[in-house]
Amino acid sequence: MMRKIIKARWIIFSLWLIATIVLTVIQPDINAILRHRGQQGLDKNSSSVIADSILSKMEVSKGNNNIIVFYDKDKISDDEMKKIGDGVNAIRDSSSELGLDKIMDPFSIPEAKSSLISKDGTTLMVSFKLDKGSKEIDDVKKAFDSKLKDVGVEHYLTGEDFLGNDYLKAALSGVEKSAALTVIFILIVLIIMFRAVVTPLVSLLAVAFSYLCSMGIAAQLIDKANFPITSLTQVLLVLILFGIGTDYNILLFNRFREELSQGCSIDDAIINTYKTAGKTIAYSILTVLIAFFSLIFSESPIYKSGIVVVIGAAILLLEIMTLTPFIMKVLGNKLFWPSKNAAGHKESKMWHKISSASIKHPAISVFIIALIIIPTVYFNQQKLNFDTIKELGDTQPSSKAFNIVAEHFGKGQAMPANVVIESTKALDNNEALSVIDNLTERLKKIKGVHQVSSVTQPEGKQIDNFYIGSQVETVTGGLSKTKDGVGQIYDGLKLAQDKLGTADFSQVSKMIDGTAQLQNGMASLTNGLKQIQSGLSGSSSNSETIGNGIAAIETNLSKMSSGVKLLSDNYKKMQAGFKEMGAHYQGSAQALLGVKSTLSQMKSMVDTLGINYSNSASDPSYLGLKQTIDKLLESLSQITPEGIKALNENYNNATLGFDTANKSLSEISSGLSQMAAGLKKLEGGLGKASSGIGTIVTNMDNITNGLGEMKSGQQQLVSGLNGFGTFGSKLSDVNKGLKQISDGIGQTNGFLSQLNTNKTFYIPKEALTDDGFKKSFDMFMSSDRTITKMMIVLNDDPYSEEALNTVKEINEALATGLKGSVLSNAKYGVSGPSAMTGDMNDTLKRDLNRMIVIVLIGVFLVLLLVIRSLWIPVFITASLLGSYYAAMFVLNNVFLNMMGLDGVSSYVPFFSFIIIVALGVDYSIFLMMRYKEYPHMSPTEAIVMASKHIGGVVTSAAIILGGTFATLMPSGLTLLSQLAIAVIVGLIVLCFIMLPIFLPAMIALPNAIKDIFSRNKAGLILEE
């Protein structure tokens, strides 16, 4: 196979050259893709991602929340404030052009001043939502700067977009710097190692071919197939390909050099090199492929992005198997120019001495190493830090602005968290709002929560009128007044009842009879007068007798007039009393209807209270209150508008009778007066008697007619009073009911007074439709009212461990608060930086624990395949794991204990493990493949010999790989510095402790134990 590759070397080289050029030319700008897409830290099933997707449904506008920060350390002056206002207006006018929405500033929204201008007056914030679309953030920033150029106050842009952009720029800048330093470092080390110029250049060129091709393929996948990408994608590919690529080249070129030094031809030297070192490299790359391909099982897209190394390692293997033989064939001995020495890599005296000492005292060696490694495993802690702002410090404008906001407004003010709840049904009803308000109160009580704003508490505090306690206070006041009113009604009806009870309506019937007799008497009197008039007109001889009769009539008329006057006066008194009674009756009737309506409302409120009051079914006070109200309503069931209307008709009939009777009495009185006057005239001159009697007769007719009308009115009065008789008999029942109402209201007030402090949420129906409250619905709910949100301001830095713990408590409170409620089936979650960071923390820890198992199993299987033994792969796997934990122990002590950081950067433990294990196992395979070349020796002798010959190669490879990672140190990012230190420490522990000491000691230990047992057994035999 290798001979065919050597033969087709120029075709192979041409293909490599064409592929590299094409893939490089058509390669998309992955940095631009990264800036536009951002790096996804979580998959779509994470709770914060779900919460974000729910929140996006209710947000009309797209984009992320950001802030403009204006700052003057000496306090913003009035003139500066005016200029800032002008600048903000210019931005508002250009909002469509800039992609802005929901701009909130203290100029257009004066009521927001307290939350947007710091108390010391040095800092002013303007919040907005930015939909950058296809625009670059740097271009957006330039547009902002042009609008604010005349403000004259320091201003910064910060928020999700600007912080993310600055972090990516810093990361990419560090990567570019690291890539350049990596190439320079490798070039220098290879020149020193090989004492040649051609070897380093050729090695770098070969690796460069594999890097450019693999990066071109990965970029196409990122662009076309939505392959995950992070700021670490390029740096991982650069470091690993140039690191292990150079290591493999060292191994190959050293073996090739060794074969040439033994007199082999170039072709034979290439073939022999690939039979030995080539096989070693194939196995080594297999472990890299398995380790990084296992990232497909991780949850985090950031970790999945590491699969790009699989592409790079596969291309590197292809390059080593095809392009490197071309280089060896074309250059031959010139590959090592200008060095004249064709010998292979020198033997490692250090590894030889260490491994020799280790196999002589294996138990002691293992004990010492265990004493070093076990504490690092036991005390290992996974404290991750996601605070990109702290990593940036004040080196970037966005992070500086965030620190200003944190100092003058509070750490949680710039990036609040959002709780979202999505239901299948509308939430704008009392049942759902009560649950939301209860959750709001639960969240406010969590330590670390500064403020919670929700649809029921839009300003972060309770609205008193929305709670039963406050409503009960109003009700109790109203009930007290109602009780007083009921008392007055009771007194009035009692008086009316007494009046009606003492009234003798039977006398009214006698009055009708008397009026009828009076009417008959008047008729007879009239007839008599008519006869007198006739007699007078016929003869005057009886005038004296007539005169005497007239005098007697006059006397009787006077008595009649007095009687009529007395009757009229009594009628007027009776009418006045009747009117007073009517007034009491009508007011009482309406008041009773009002009481009945109030009791109905109270019943509804008490029923609602029973629903919201969990102990209502067992509370005797509540049950007594409910029973009392039900009885009162039952007692008033007969008091209806229809019944009151019937009584009103009877009252009107009675009133009409009184009016008719009074009018008739007035006419009678007037007629009697005129008749008396006529009689006087008659007495004065009987000659004129006929004329006077004529007048009297006429008036008497009027009186008779009036008495007829009076009789009719009295009959109407009797009819009306009969209805009042029935009403009077009912007043007793009503008064008893009123007494019960008064007592019941007293009991109700007593019970409700106990609920004055009750904070059960209950919003009146009229408030639900109020225009003012509708603004709260629009702000905190989706248009279809099925989604609601709560804005939470935390006390701590959004990326701090305290904030992450607070978010965990928020999630727990949500789960507890929704369980068993009307929203028990609703979807919910917390969005925002703290929630996302918390999810990432949990996800990355789970991924790390899972990957440790998967990668170790994969590596162990490869070692079984290579070594064909059980225990040595176990020892090597333990060596790799021990190196990783030692690296983490050192890293935690340096950055947490010495430098005082909250935790190591989030990705460091994971990628450190993958790199230490996947690349460290290469050196184990280098050693063991050499070990297998001495089958004629004992295991202890073979491992010492292998260490002697391969130790130099492993040390050189470790130095190169460690050096490539050391180039991350000047990047300026804590993440890259920590990754470099972890890998370097892990390689040092592996290459200078675990492989030369621990592995030989473990190989020698079984025989040492056997020798101890054998010597003990021999000693016992001799003693016998």
Foldseek 3Di string as FASTA:
>chain_A
DLVVLQVCQVVLVVVLVVLLVVLLVPFDDVLLVCLVVPFFFFDCPFQQNVFVVQVVQQDPADAFKKKKKWFDPVAQDPVLVVLVVQLVVLCVVCCVVLQKDPKDFCPVPVVCCPQAAFPVRGMGMIMIGHDRDSHGVVVSVVVSCVSNVPSPTDMFMAGDSQLSNVLLVLLLLLLVLLLVLLLVVQQVLVCVQLVANLQSVVLVVLLVSLLSSLSSVLSCCCVPVVQGDHSCLNSLLSLVSSQVSSLLSLQLLLQLLALVVVPDDLSVSNVVSCVFSVVLLVLLLLLLLLLLVCLVPFRTSVSVSSNSVNSSSVSSNVSVSRVVSSVCVVCPVVSSPPDPDSHGRAWDPQLLVQLVVQLVPLVVQQVVLCVQQVVLVVPFDFQAFAPSLVLCPVVDRRSVSLVVCCVRNFQQSRWWKKKKWFFPAFQLDFQNVLLVVVLLVVLVPFPFFDFKAWLQRNPRDHDLQQFLLSVLVVVLVVLVVLLVVLVVLLVLLVVLLVVLVPDDLVVLVVVLVVLVVVLVVLVVVLVVLVVVLVVLVVDCPCVVVVLVVLVVVLVVLVVVLVVLVVVLVVLVVVLVVLVSSVVSVVVSLVSLVVLLVVLVVVLVVLVVCCVLVVCLVPDPLSVVLNVLSVVLNVLSVPSDPVVVVVLVVLSVLLNQLSVLLSVLSVLLSVLSVLLSVLSVVCSVDVNCNSVSSVSNSVSSVSNSVSSVSNSVSSVSNSSSVVSVSVVSVCSVSVSVSSVSSSVSSVSVSVVSNVCSVGGRGHDDPVLSPDPVSVVSCSVAARPSNRMGMMIIRTNDNLRAPVNLVSQVVSVVSVQVSLPPGPSNVIRIRMYISNRSNNSSSVSLVVSQVVSLVSSLVSLLVSCCVLQVDRVLSVLVSVLLVSLLSSLSSVLCCVCCVVVNDSRAHSCQSRVLSSCSSSNVVSLVSQLSSQLVVCPVDDSLVSSSVSCRHCLVSLVSSLCSSLSSLVSSCVSSGRNSNSNSSSNNSSSCCNSPRSRSNNSSSVSSVVVVVVVVVVVVVVVVVVVD
